[in-house]
Structure formats: C-alpha cells, structure tokens
Amino acid sequence: MSIIENFNFDRFLYSLQYMWQGMLSIFLVIGVIILGVVAMNKLTSRGGKKKENKE
C-alpha cells in the first residue's frame, strides 16, 4: 500500500478548516503581543530624553 492509495481527499479538506483557524490564531496572538510591547514602550518612555554619547 502506498500513501497515495490511503489518501482521503474529504478528510484533507476537513482538516484544512482546523489548519487555517490555527494559523489565524497564531497571527492574532503575535499581533496582540506586538501591540502590547508597543503600548508598554509608549507608556514607560521617559519623555523623549535620549542619552548622548560624548566622545
């Protein structure tokens, strides 16, 4: 028996539903993390003061 003989196309299409939902969830979580980091940087910044290197 080969893999192609055992391949069930209906099950493959059914699994695609879970696959895209998982991928969407991953991208949403990454987006929330990025937004959280940006918000924390804005909230905890020191008013635009930058250190100047004097050489």
PDB file of N, CA and C in Angstrom:
ATOM      1  N   MET A   1       0.830  -1.188   0.000  1.00  0.00           N
ATOM      2  CA  MET A   1       0.000   0.000   0.000  1.00  0.00           C
ATOM      3  C   MET A   1       0.868   1.242   0.000  1.00  0.00           C
ATOM      4  N   SER A   2       0.513   2.170  -0.792  1.00  0.00           N
ATOM      5  CA  SER A   2       1.249   3.426  -0.815  1.00  0.00           C
ATOM      6  C   SER A   2       0.437   4.517  -0.125  1.00  0.00           C
ATOM      7  N   ILE A   3       1.087   5.621   0.100  1.00  0.00           N
ATOM      8  CA  ILE A   3       0.426   6.745   0.764  1.00  0.00           C
ATOM      9  C   ILE A   3      -0.699   7.294  -0.104  1.00  0.00           C
ATOM     10  N   ILE A   4      -0.488   7.298  -1.399  1.00  0.00           N
ATOM     11  CA  ILE A   4      -1.496   7.846  -2.316  1.00  0.00           C
ATOM     12  C   ILE A   4      -2.768   7.015  -2.298  1.00  0.00           C
ATOM     13  N   GLU A   5      -2.642   5.717  -2.145  1.00  0.00           N
ATOM     14  CA  GLU A   5      -3.829   4.861  -2.107  1.00  0.00           C
ATOM     15  C   GLU A   5      -4.646   5.102  -0.848  1.00  0.00           C
ATOM     16  N   ASN A   6      -3.991   5.454   0.245  1.00  0.00           N
ATOM     17  CA  ASN A   6      -4.687   5.664   1.520  1.00  0.00           C
ATOM     18  C   ASN A   6      -5.138   7.105   1.709  1.00  0.00           C
ATOM     19  N   PHE A   7      -4.831   7.986   0.760  1.00  0.00           N
ATOM     20  CA  PHE A   7      -5.155   9.402   0.900  1.00  0.00           C
ATOM     21  C   PHE A   7      -6.654   9.610   0.731  1.00  0.00           C
ATOM     22  N   ASN A   8      -7.267  10.260   1.717  1.00  0.00           N
ATOM     23  CA  ASN A   8      -8.697  10.555   1.665  1.00  0.00           C
ATOM     24  C   ASN A   8      -8.849  12.067   1.496  1.00  0.00           C
ATOM     25  N   PHE A   9      -9.279  12.481   0.312  1.00  0.00           N
ATOM     26  CA  PHE A   9      -9.356  13.908  -0.009  1.00  0.00           C
ATOM     27  C   PHE A   9     -10.390  14.624   0.853  1.00  0.00           C
ATOM     28  N   ASP A  10     -11.479  13.969   1.200  1.00  0.00           N
ATOM     29  CA  ASP A  10     -12.504  14.594   2.048  1.00  0.00           C
ATOM     30  C   ASP A  10     -11.951  14.917   3.435  1.00  0.00           C
ATOM     31  N   ARG A  11     -11.172  14.008   3.994  1.00  0.00           N
ATOM     32  CA  ARG A  11     -10.560  14.271   5.308  1.00  0.00           C
ATOM     33  C   ARG A  11      -9.546  15.396   5.213  1.00  0.00           C
ATOM     34  N   PHE A  12      -8.831  15.469   4.090  1.00  0.00           N
ATOM     35  CA  PHE A  12      -7.872  16.540   3.894  1.00  0.00           C
ATOM     36  C   PHE A  12      -8.572  17.891   3.883  1.00  0.00           C
ATOM     37  N   LEU A  13      -9.666  18.001   3.147  1.00  0.00           N
ATOM     38  CA  LEU A  13     -10.411  19.260   3.104  1.00  0.00           C
ATOM     39  C   LEU A  13     -10.984  19.608   4.472  1.00  0.00           C
ATOM     40  N   TYR A  14     -11.424  18.595   5.217  1.00  0.00           N
ATOM     41  CA  TYR A  14     -11.955  18.821   6.556  1.00  0.00           C
ATOM     42  C   TYR A  14     -10.859  19.341   7.487  1.00  0.00           C
ATOM     43  N   SER A  15      -9.650  18.810   7.338  1.00  0.00           N
ATOM     44  CA  SER A  15      -8.551  19.248   8.203  1.00  0.00           C
ATOM     45  C   SER A  15      -8.076  20.655   7.850  1.00  0.00           C
ATOM     46  N   LEU A  16      -8.288  21.101   6.630  1.00  0.00           N
ATOM     47  CA  LEU A  16      -7.895  22.459   6.253  1.00  0.00           C
ATOM     48  C   LEU A  16      -8.632  23.507   7.072  1.00  0.00           C
ATOM     49  N   GLN A  17      -9.857  23.204   7.473  1.00  0.00           N
ATOM     50  CA  GLN A  17     -10.621  24.130   8.300  1.00  0.00           C
ATOM     51  C   GLN A  17      -9.881  24.389   9.615  1.00  0.00           C
ATOM     52  N   TYR A  18      -9.401  23.334  10.242  1.00  0.00           N
ATOM     53  CA  TYR A  18      -8.674  23.498  11.500  1.00  0.00           C
ATOM     54  C   TYR A  18      -7.318  24.147  11.257  1.00  0.00           C
ATOM     55  N   MET A  19      -6.721  23.867  10.113  1.00  0.00           N
ATOM     56  CA  MET A  19      -5.408  24.424   9.818  1.00  0.00           C
ATOM     57  C   MET A  19      -5.475  25.944   9.681  1.00  0.00           C
ATOM     58  N   TRP A  20      -6.434  26.468   8.936  1.00  0.00           N
ATOM     59  CA  TRP A  20      -6.490  27.930   8.762  1.00  0.00           C
ATOM     60  C   TRP A  20      -6.913  28.617  10.051  1.00  0.00           C
ATOM     61  N   GLN A  21      -7.746  27.957  10.843  1.00  0.00           N
ATOM     62  CA  GLN A  21      -8.131  28.557  12.118  1.00  0.00           C
ATOM     63  C   GLN A  21      -6.930  28.634  13.063  1.00  0.00           C
ATOM     64  N   GLY A  22      -6.097  27.613  13.059  1.00  0.00           N
ATOM     65  CA  GLY A  22      -4.894  27.621  13.876  1.00  0.00           C
ATOM     66  C   GLY A  22      -3.916  28.686  13.428  1.00  0.00           C
ATOM     67  N   MET A  23      -3.725  28.816  12.116  1.00  0.00           N
ATOM     68  CA  MET A  23      -2.812  29.834  11.593  1.00  0.00           C
ATOM     69  C   MET A  23      -3.312  31.237  11.927  1.00  0.00           C
ATOM     70  N   LEU A  24      -4.609  31.462  11.790  1.00  0.00           N
ATOM     71  CA  LEU A  24      -5.190  32.760  12.125  1.00  0.00           C
ATOM     72  C   LEU A  24      -4.990  33.071  13.604  1.00  0.00           C
ATOM     73  N   SER A  25      -5.175  32.072  14.445  1.00  0.00           N
ATOM     74  CA  SER A  25      -4.992  32.267  15.882  1.00  0.00           C
ATOM     75  C   SER A  25      -3.547  32.643  16.206  1.00  0.00           C
ATOM     76  N   ILE A  26      -2.597  31.979  15.536  1.00  0.00           N
ATOM     77  CA  ILE A  26      -1.186  32.284  15.768  1.00  0.00           C
ATOM     78  C   ILE A  26      -0.884  33.735  15.396  1.00  0.00           C
ATOM     79  N   PHE A  27      -1.357  34.177  14.226  1.00  0.00           N
ATOM     80  CA  PHE A  27      -1.100  35.552  13.795  1.00  0.00           C
ATOM     81  C   PHE A  27      -1.785  36.563  14.709  1.00  0.00           C
ATOM     82  N   LEU A  28      -2.978  36.251  15.203  1.00  0.00           N
ATOM     83  CA  LEU A  28      -3.664  37.164  16.121  1.00  0.00           C
ATOM     84  C   LEU A  28      -2.898  37.297  17.438  1.00  0.00           C
ATOM     85  N   VAL A  29      -2.405  36.184  17.955  1.00  0.00           N
ATOM     86  CA  VAL A  29      -1.654  36.231  19.214  1.00  0.00           C
ATOM     87  C   VAL A  29      -0.364  37.015  19.031  1.00  0.00           C
ATOM     88  N   ILE A  30       0.326  36.807  17.909  1.00  0.00           N
ATOM     89  CA  ILE A  30       1.548  37.570  17.638  1.00  0.00           C
ATOM     90  C   ILE A  30       1.226  39.057  17.542  1.00  0.00           C
ATOM     91  N   GLY A  31       0.116  39.406  16.898  1.00  0.00           N
ATOM     92  CA  GLY A  31      -0.292  40.807  16.791  1.00  0.00           C
ATOM     93  C   GLY A  31      -0.588  41.421  18.147  1.00  0.00           C
ATOM     94  N   VAL A  32      -1.247  40.670  19.021  1.00  0.00           N
ATOM     95  CA  VAL A  32      -1.555  41.171  20.368  1.00  0.00           C
ATOM     96  C   VAL A  32      -0.265  41.381  21.156  1.00  0.00           C
ATOM     97  N   ILE A  33       0.690  40.474  21.014  1.00  0.00           N
ATOM     98  CA  ILE A  33       1.968  40.626  21.709  1.00  0.00           C
ATOM     99  C   ILE A  33       2.703  41.868  21.207  1.00  0.00           C
ATOM    100  N   ILE A  34       2.713  42.074  19.895  1.00  0.00           N
ATOM    101  CA  ILE A  34       3.377  43.245  19.332  1.00  0.00           C
ATOM    102  C   ILE A  34       2.715  44.523  19.826  1.00  0.00           C
ATOM    103  N   LEU A  35       1.383  44.570  19.808  1.00  0.00           N
ATOM    104  CA  LEU A  35       0.677  45.753  20.287  1.00  0.00           C
ATOM    105  C   LEU A  35       0.945  45.997  21.773  1.00  0.00           C
ATOM    106  N   GLY A  36       1.029  44.933  22.543  1.00  0.00           N
ATOM    107  CA  GLY A  36       1.333  45.074  23.966  1.00  0.00           C
ATOM    108  C   GLY A  36       2.719  45.646  24.202  1.00  0.00           C
ATOM    109  N   VAL A  37       3.694  45.181  23.429  1.00  0.00           N
ATOM    110  CA  VAL A  37       5.055  45.692  23.574  1.00  0.00           C
ATOM    111  C   VAL A  37       5.129  47.155  23.166  1.00  0.00           C
ATOM    112  N   VAL A  38       4.468  47.519  22.081  1.00  0.00           N
ATOM    113  CA  VAL A  38       4.457  48.917  21.638  1.00  0.00           C
ATOM    114  C   VAL A  38       3.785  49.800  22.691  1.00  0.00           C
ATOM    115  N   ALA A  39       2.664  49.335  23.245  1.00  0.00           N
ATOM    116  CA  ALA A  39       1.968  50.118  24.271  1.00  0.00           C
ATOM    117  C   ALA A  39       2.832  50.287  25.519  1.00  0.00           C
ATOM    118  N   MET A  40       3.512  49.224  25.932  1.00  0.00           N
ATOM    119  CA  MET A  40       4.376  49.333  27.107  1.00  0.00           C
ATOM    120  C   MET A  40       5.544  50.280  26.849  1.00  0.00           C
ATOM    121  N   ASN A  41       6.077  50.284  25.631  1.00  0.00           N
ATOM    122  CA  ASN A  41       7.159  51.224  25.300  1.00  0.00           C
ATOM    123  C   ASN A  41       6.664  52.660  25.356  1.00  0.00           C
ATOM    124  N   LYS A  42       5.466  52.909  24.867  1.00  0.00           N
ATOM    125  CA  LYS A  42       4.922  54.265  24.882  1.00  0.00           C
ATOM    126  C   LYS A  42       4.610  54.710  26.311  1.00  0.00           C
ATOM    127  N   LEU A  43       4.092  53.806  27.124  1.00  0.00           N
ATOM    128  CA  LEU A  43       3.718  54.162  28.492  1.00  0.00           C
ATOM    129  C   LEU A  43       4.925  54.358  29.400  1.00  0.00           C
ATOM    130  N   THR A  44       5.996  53.661  29.131  1.00  0.00           N
ATOM    131  CA  THR A  44       7.145  53.723  30.032  1.00  0.00           C
ATOM    132  C   THR A  44       8.301  54.532  29.469  1.00  0.00           C
ATOM    133  N   SER A  45       8.074  55.235  28.376  1.00  0.00           N
ATOM    134  CA  SER A  45       9.161  56.057  27.832  1.00  0.00           C
ATOM    135  C   SER A  45       9.406  57.242  28.756  1.00  0.00           C
ATOM    136  N   ARG A  46      10.590  57.795  28.689  1.00  0.00           N
ATOM    137  CA  ARG A  46      10.990  58.866  29.605  1.00  0.00           C
ATOM    138  C   ARG A  46      10.820  60.242  28.981  1.00  0.00           C
ATOM    139  N   GLY A  47       9.799  60.462  28.239  1.00  0.00           N
ATOM    140  CA  GLY A  47       9.512  61.788  27.708  1.00  0.00           C
ATOM    141  C   GLY A  47      10.426  62.223  26.587  1.00  0.00           C
ATOM    142  N   GLY A  48      10.992  61.309  25.885  1.00  0.00           N
ATOM    143  CA  GLY A  48      11.810  61.652  24.742  1.00  0.00           C
ATOM    144  C   GLY A  48      13.240  62.008  25.060  1.00  0.00           C
ATOM    145  N   LYS A  49      13.668  61.853  26.293  1.00  0.00           N
ATOM    146  CA  LYS A  49      15.060  62.141  26.630  1.00  0.00           C
ATOM    147  C   LYS A  49      15.935  61.016  26.111  1.00  0.00           C
ATOM    148  N   LYS A  50      16.958  61.382  25.365  1.00  0.00           N
ATOM    149  CA  LYS A  50      17.889  60.400  24.843  1.00  0.00           C
ATOM    150  C   LYS A  50      19.269  60.674  25.400  1.00  0.00           C
ATOM    151  N   LYS A  51      20.003  59.620  25.642  1.00  0.00           N
ATOM    152  CA  LYS A  51      21.383  59.777  26.096  1.00  0.00           C
ATOM    153  C   LYS A  51      22.251  60.142  24.907  1.00  0.00           C
ATOM    154  N   GLU A  52      23.118  61.075  25.131  1.00  0.00           N
ATOM    155  CA  GLU A  52      24.047  61.472  24.070  1.00  0.00           C
ATOM    156  C   GLU A  52      25.426  60.958  24.443  1.00  0.00           C
ATOM    157  N   ASN A  53      26.061  60.330  23.487  1.00  0.00           N
ATOM    158  CA  ASN A  53      27.417  59.846  23.714  1.00  0.00           C
ATOM    159  C   ASN A  53      28.391  60.978  23.467  1.00  0.00           C
ATOM    160  N   LYS A  54      29.157  61.338  24.489  1.00  0.00           N
ATOM    161  CA  LYS A  54      30.179  62.356  24.339  1.00  0.00           C
ATOM    162  C   LYS A  54      31.520  61.667  24.232  1.00  0.00           C
ATOM    163  N   GLU A  55      32.120  61.794  23.088  1.00  0.00           N
ATOM    164  CA  GLU A  55      33.416  61.129  22.881  1.00  0.00           C
ATOM    165  C   GLU A  55      34.535  62.131  22.771  1.00  0.00           C
TER     166      GLU A  55
END
